[in-house]
Protein backbone atom coordinates (compact mmCIF):
# COMPACT_ATOMS: atom_id res chain seq x y z
CA MET A 1 98.04 109.13 69.69
CA ALA A 2 100.50 106.38 69.97
CA GLY A 3 99.53 102.94 71.22
CA PHE A 4 100.20 101.58 74.68
CA GLU A 5 102.81 98.99 76.38
CA ALA A 6 101.35 99.10 79.72
CA LEU A 7 98.07 100.08 81.79
CA LEU A 8 97.69 101.99 84.96
CA PHE A 9 94.23 101.99 86.92
CA ASP A 10 92.87 103.86 89.78
CA LEU A 11 91.08 101.70 92.20
CA ASP A 12 88.15 103.17 94.05
CA GLY A 13 85.54 104.41 91.74
CA THR A 14 87.36 102.83 88.62
CA LEU A 15 87.67 99.12 89.48
CA LEU A 16 85.75 98.69 92.49
CA ASP A 17 82.61 100.40 94.09
CA THR A 18 83.88 101.22 97.42
CA ALA A 19 81.30 103.84 98.04
CA LYS A 20 79.48 102.19 100.80
CA ASP A 21 82.69 101.23 102.64
CA LEU A 22 83.89 104.79 102.66
CA VAL A 23 80.47 106.44 103.39
CA GLN A 24 79.81 103.96 106.40
CA SER A 25 83.50 104.63 107.76
CA GLY A 26 82.57 108.44 107.47
CA HIS A 27 79.30 108.17 109.44
CA ALA A 28 80.91 106.07 112.00
CA ILE A 29 83.68 108.71 112.72
CA ARG A 30 81.22 111.66 112.85
CA GLU A 31 79.11 109.73 115.30
CA ALA A 32 81.93 108.64 117.28
CA MET A 33 82.80 112.36 117.66
CA ALA A 34 79.41 113.60 118.40
CA MET A 35 79.04 115.32 115.12
CA ALA A 36 75.71 115.85 113.19
CA PRO A 37 75.26 113.31 110.20
CA LEU A 38 75.88 114.34 106.81
CA SER A 39 74.17 112.91 103.59
CA ASP A 40 75.71 109.83 101.73
CA VAL A 41 76.40 111.93 98.79
CA ARG A 42 78.25 114.64 100.90
CA VAL A 43 80.40 112.00 102.51
CA LEU A 44 81.13 110.57 99.02
CA SER A 45 82.18 113.78 97.75
CA PHE A 46 85.02 114.01 100.05
CA VAL A 47 86.88 110.98 98.81
CA GLY A 48 89.47 111.41 96.27
CA LYS A 49 92.62 112.97 97.57
CA GLY A 50 93.44 110.24 100.09
CA ALA A 51 92.77 109.47 103.79
CA GLU A 52 94.16 112.73 105.29
CA ARG A 53 91.92 115.00 103.19
CA PHE A 54 88.77 112.64 103.50
CA VAL A 55 89.39 113.08 107.51
CA HIS A 56 89.84 116.78 107.17
CA ARG A 57 86.76 117.36 104.91
CA LEU A 58 84.66 115.01 107.10
CA LEU A 59 85.34 116.86 110.21
CA THR A 60 85.03 120.30 108.68
CA ASP A 61 82.17 119.50 106.22
CA ASP A 62 84.23 121.57 103.61
CA LEU A 63 86.36 120.25 100.67
CA ASP A 64 89.07 122.75 101.36
CA GLY A 65 88.54 122.49 105.17
CA ASP A 66 91.61 121.78 107.92
CA ALA A 67 90.42 120.38 110.94
CA LYS A 68 92.08 121.52 114.21
CA PRO A 69 95.14 119.15 115.22
CA ASP A 70 93.51 117.45 117.98
CA ALA A 71 90.33 116.85 116.32
CA TYR A 72 92.31 115.32 113.04
CA ALA A 73 94.53 113.14 115.09
CA GLN A 74 91.38 111.64 116.83
CA GLY A 75 89.32 111.35 113.63
CA MET A 76 92.28 109.82 111.80
CA ASP A 77 92.68 107.42 114.63
CA ARG A 78 89.26 106.39 114.53
CA PHE A 79 89.27 106.25 110.75
CA VAL A 80 92.03 103.65 110.74
CA SER A 81 90.31 101.53 113.13
CA VAL A 82 86.90 101.53 111.40
CA TYR A 83 88.10 101.26 107.90
CA GLU A 84 90.30 98.16 108.91
CA GLN A 85 86.77 96.57 109.54
CA TYR A 86 84.88 98.15 106.69
CA ASN A 87 87.37 98.01 103.94
CA GLY A 88 86.03 95.58 101.08
CA CYS A 89 82.88 94.59 103.05
CA TRP A 90 80.64 96.14 100.60
CA ALA A 91 83.15 96.81 97.51
CA LYS A 92 82.27 94.99 94.38
CA PRO A 93 83.73 95.29 90.92
CA PHE A 94 81.94 97.64 88.41
CA GLU A 95 80.28 96.02 85.60
CA GLY A 96 82.73 94.79 82.94
CA VAL A 97 85.79 95.20 85.12
CA ILE A 98 86.57 91.18 85.48
CA GLU A 99 85.85 90.61 81.94
CA GLY A 100 88.20 93.46 80.73
CA LEU A 101 91.01 92.50 82.97
CA GLU A 102 90.65 88.92 81.89
CA ARG A 103 91.01 90.07 78.31
CA LEU A 104 93.83 92.31 78.95
CA HIS A 105 95.70 89.49 81.27
CA ALA A 106 95.14 86.80 78.51
CA ALA A 107 96.82 89.39 76.14
CA LYS A 108 99.87 89.52 78.62
CA VAL A 109 99.47 93.42 78.95
CA PRO A 110 101.49 94.70 81.80
CA MET A 111 99.21 96.36 84.39
CA ALA A 112 99.47 98.17 87.71
CA VAL A 113 97.34 100.04 90.19
CA VAL A 114 98.03 103.43 91.22
CA THR A 115 95.58 104.87 93.81
CA ASN A 116 95.27 107.61 96.63
CA LYS A 117 94.38 104.99 99.25
CA ALA A 118 96.75 103.87 101.77
CA GLN A 119 99.20 101.08 100.70
CA SER A 120 98.15 98.74 103.32
CA PHE A 121 94.39 99.29 102.68
CA THR A 122 95.03 98.88 98.85
CA GLU A 123 96.75 95.54 99.17
CA ALA A 124 94.04 94.33 101.50
CA LEU A 125 91.13 95.54 99.23
CA LEU A 126 93.06 93.89 96.11
CA GLU A 127 93.39 90.57 97.88
CA ARG A 128 89.91 90.58 99.33
CA SER A 129 88.36 91.52 96.10
CA ASN A 130 90.34 88.74 94.23
CA LEU A 131 92.06 91.45 91.79
CA SER A 132 95.51 91.39 92.95
CA GLN A 133 96.19 88.65 90.32
CA TYR A 134 95.82 90.89 87.54
CA PHE A 135 98.26 93.39 88.69
CA GLN A 136 102.04 93.42 88.78
CA PHE A 137 102.14 95.78 91.75
CA ALA A 138 100.08 98.66 93.42
CA ILE A 139 101.28 102.14 94.73
CA GLY A 140 99.40 103.48 97.49
CA GLY A 141 98.97 107.02 98.51
CA ASP A 142 101.45 106.83 101.03
CA ALA A 143 103.83 104.91 99.34
CA LEU A 144 105.91 107.84 97.91
CA ALA A 145 106.49 111.63 98.81
CA HIS A 146 103.37 112.66 96.57
CA LYS A 147 100.02 111.34 95.60
CA LYS A 148 97.78 112.01 92.77
CA PRO A 149 97.38 114.59 91.05
CA HIS A 150 101.07 114.71 91.34
CA PRO A 151 102.79 112.80 88.74
CA GLN A 152 105.22 111.05 90.91
CA PRO A 153 103.34 107.68 91.50
CA LEU A 154 102.65 107.32 87.76
CA LEU A 155 106.20 107.98 86.90
CA GLU A 156 107.20 105.56 89.35
CA ALA A 157 104.94 102.83 88.29
CA ALA A 158 106.18 103.37 84.52
CA SER A 159 109.95 102.94 85.70
CA ARG A 160 108.97 99.71 87.65
CA LEU A 161 107.22 98.54 84.67
CA GLY A 162 110.22 99.21 82.55
CA VAL A 163 108.35 101.36 79.88
CA SER A 164 108.54 104.78 78.72
CA THR A 165 105.84 106.95 80.19
CA SER A 166 104.52 107.95 76.80
CA SER A 167 103.68 104.27 76.07
CA VAL A 168 101.50 103.93 79.45
CA TRP A 169 97.91 104.67 79.30
CA MET A 170 95.85 105.53 82.53
CA LEU A 171 92.30 104.77 83.32
CA GLY A 172 90.58 106.41 85.94
CA ASP A 173 87.37 108.28 87.32
CA SER A 174 88.48 111.71 88.15
CA ALA A 175 90.43 114.92 87.87
CA ASN A 176 93.16 113.45 90.12
CA ASP A 177 93.88 110.57 87.53
CA ALA A 178 93.47 113.01 84.44
CA GLN A 179 95.97 115.75 85.97
CA ALA A 180 98.50 113.21 87.16
CA ALA A 181 98.49 111.31 83.89
CA ARG A 182 98.97 114.67 81.86
CA ALA A 183 101.61 115.82 84.00
CA ALA A 184 103.31 112.43 83.50
CA GLY A 185 103.12 112.61 79.82
CA MET A 186 100.47 109.58 79.74
CA ARG A 187 97.06 109.32 77.79
CA VAL A 188 94.29 109.29 80.15
CA PHE A 189 90.70 107.58 79.66
CA LEU A 190 88.02 108.06 82.14
CA LEU A 191 85.15 105.88 83.12
CA PRO A 192 81.82 107.71 83.34
CA TYR A 193 80.82 106.46 86.91
CA GLY A 194 83.12 106.91 89.95
CA TYR A 195 84.02 109.46 92.40
CA ARG A 196 84.76 112.91 91.21
CA GLU A 197 84.64 115.41 94.42
CA GLY A 198 81.59 117.20 92.49
CA VAL A 199 83.41 117.79 89.34
CA ALA A 200 81.14 116.96 86.34
CA LEU A 201 82.92 114.46 83.97
CA GLU A 202 82.79 117.04 80.92
CA HIS A 203 84.84 119.25 82.94
CA ILE A 204 87.88 116.98 83.17
CA PRO A 205 90.13 117.22 79.94
CA CYS A 206 91.08 113.59 79.02
CA ASP A 207 91.65 111.54 75.73
CA GLY A 208 88.39 109.52 75.82
CA ILE A 209 85.42 108.43 78.03
CA VAL A 210 85.33 104.55 77.88
CA GLN A 211 81.92 103.09 79.28
CA SER A 212 83.56 100.09 80.92
CA ILE A 213 86.84 98.32 81.39
CA ASP A 214 85.68 95.56 79.22
CA ALA A 215 84.78 98.05 76.34
CA PHE A 216 88.14 99.63 76.64
CA ALA A 217 89.97 95.88 76.65
CA GLN A 218 87.93 94.98 73.48
CA TRP A 219 88.37 98.17 71.76
CA THR A 220 92.16 98.33 72.39
CA LEU A 221 92.70 94.70 71.80
CA GLN A 222 90.54 94.13 68.53
CA SER A 223 92.03 97.59 67.11
CA SER A 224 95.62 96.61 67.91
CA TYR A 225 96.08 99.82 69.51
CA ARG A 226 98.54 98.16 71.96
CA SER A 227 101.23 97.99 69.35
CA LYS A 228 100.30 100.72 66.51
CA THR A 229 99.51 104.05 66.21
CA PRO A 230 95.69 104.60 66.11
CA HIS A 231 93.95 106.96 63.81
CA GLY A 232 91.61 108.21 66.47
CA VAL A 233 89.22 107.35 69.32
CA GLY A 234 86.13 105.33 68.60
CA GLY A 235 84.55 102.10 68.59
CA ALA A 236 81.98 100.19 70.92
CA GLY A 237 81.68 101.80 74.23
CA ILE A 238 84.24 104.45 73.50
CA ASN A 239 83.09 108.21 73.00
CA PRO A 240 85.31 111.05 71.93
CA ALA A 241 86.94 112.97 74.82
CA LEU A 242 84.73 115.15 76.63
CA GLY A 243 86.36 118.42 77.23
CA SER A 244 89.65 117.14 75.84
CA ASP A 245 92.45 119.59 75.04
CA ALA A 246 94.52 116.74 73.23
């Protein structure tokens, strides 16, 4: 496993716990459209594929469902209106995020965010949570033709950072992140928390499970994984990949 020159991070469920922002938005949409309420857990399971799929899933109560065009248009309009108010209201960094980003930033590691959240919401959330200072840029889910799990946004990020894809590592929490990274030729490490659309962590092929961003930062920087070829995955807070096919 080669070392890295730059890092990419998912946003929701990786850096920030935005569950309440998203769940409250979902409840507000269904209430406004006179639909029966769903559990918080069910609404949160709809998160991961961007706003469009979130609204379709919310209106159909089905991960693969497609709402009727008129209902979808109404639901999306409502989502934009509600989420502009709720975006970042309850969001907070997961444990170890700030400490880890501080370590990586001090070590001058180039970093960017790649998320399926819309660009405008992404930039507003990063500013509101005081995380934008750590990243060179962010690529939102509507910034390009494709979003994760397609590799395009990760490939675009590597290009903007001026590094080869093989020297970029991705940190995320879901199959979207893992599939996109693998397709882009990047290593991918997952956090044990986050939002995975109901998919168990052990069923997602990856290169390792990191207990926190800070544990990852300490592991990579102390082990000099940034500039050398390591001899395996290990160290405090790091577990061998669960279900890895590497």
